[in-house]
Amino acid sequence: MAQTKSLEETLQEIEDIINKMDREEISLEESFQLYNTGIKLCKQCNDKIDKVEKRLEVIGGQAEE
């Protein structure tokens, strides 16, 4: 089974991608690849945040009962 990255690790990877894209010597092709990777990582972050929000809603609903 593949090890999943923590939210913090994924955010750090996105930050690293942004720093790479800020370089002037980056090629258009490499920039496009980094962009695609960054978009996928952002989706992963959103999915993780959505899961946490749903858990909090369940916990909040149970606390009200």
Protein backbone atom coordinates (compact mmCIF):
# COMPACT_ATOMS: atom_id res chain seq x y z
CA MET A 1 0.00 0.00 0.00
CA ALA A 2 1.32 3.45 -0.92
CA GLN A 3 2.10 5.79 1.92
CA THR A 4 -0.02 8.94 1.79
CA LYS A 5 1.58 12.28 2.49
CA SER A 6 0.37 14.51 5.27
CA LEU A 7 -1.32 17.77 4.41
CA GLU A 8 1.76 19.63 5.58
CA GLU A 9 4.05 17.56 3.34
CA THR A 10 1.80 18.14 0.36
CA LEU A 11 1.68 21.88 1.01
CA GLN A 12 5.49 21.95 1.28
CA GLU A 13 5.73 20.17 -2.07
CA ILE A 14 3.43 22.80 -3.62
CA GLU A 15 5.63 25.55 -2.17
CA ASP A 16 8.71 23.86 -3.66
CA ILE A 17 7.01 23.76 -7.06
CA ILE A 18 6.18 27.46 -6.84
CA ASN A 19 9.80 28.25 -6.01
CA LYS A 20 10.98 26.22 -9.01
CA MET A 21 8.53 28.00 -11.29
CA ASP A 22 9.85 31.38 -10.11
CA ARG A 23 13.26 30.65 -11.63
CA GLU A 24 13.95 32.56 -14.82
CA GLU A 25 15.82 29.71 -16.51
CA ILE A 26 12.91 27.26 -16.36
CA SER A 27 11.71 25.95 -19.72
CA LEU A 28 8.12 26.22 -20.85
CA GLU A 29 7.79 22.43 -20.89
CA GLU A 30 9.16 22.07 -17.35
CA SER A 31 6.92 24.91 -16.19
CA PHE A 32 3.88 23.14 -17.67
CA GLN A 33 4.82 19.86 -15.97
CA LEU A 34 5.29 21.59 -12.62
CA TYR A 35 1.97 23.37 -13.06
CA ASN A 36 0.16 20.08 -13.70
CA THR A 37 1.80 18.48 -10.67
CA GLY A 38 0.87 21.49 -8.55
CA ILE A 39 -2.78 21.29 -9.65
CA LYS A 40 -2.91 17.59 -8.73
CA LEU A 41 -1.38 18.33 -5.32
CA CYS A 42 -3.90 21.15 -4.72
CA LYS A 43 -6.72 18.71 -5.49
CA GLN A 44 -5.25 16.24 -3.00
CA CYS A 45 -5.14 18.99 -0.36
CA ASN A 46 -8.75 19.94 -1.05
CA ASP A 47 -9.81 16.30 -0.79
CA LYS A 48 -8.03 15.91 2.55
CA ILE A 49 -9.57 19.11 3.90
CA ASP A 50 -13.04 17.99 2.73
CA LYS A 51 -12.63 14.68 4.58
CA VAL A 52 -11.66 16.49 7.79
CA GLU A 53 -14.60 18.88 7.45
CA LYS A 54 -17.01 15.94 7.01
CA ARG A 55 -15.59 14.22 10.09
CA LEU A 56 -16.00 17.42 12.09
CA GLU A 57 -19.61 17.71 10.95
CA VAL A 58 -20.27 14.13 12.09
CA ILE A 59 -18.58 14.76 15.43
CA GLY A 60 -20.47 18.03 15.83
CA GLY A 61 -23.75 16.30 15.05
CA GLN A 62 -23.03 13.55 17.58
CA ALA A 63 -22.17 16.13 20.24
CA GLU A 64 -25.56 17.79 19.79
CA GLU A 65 -27.43 14.54 20.42
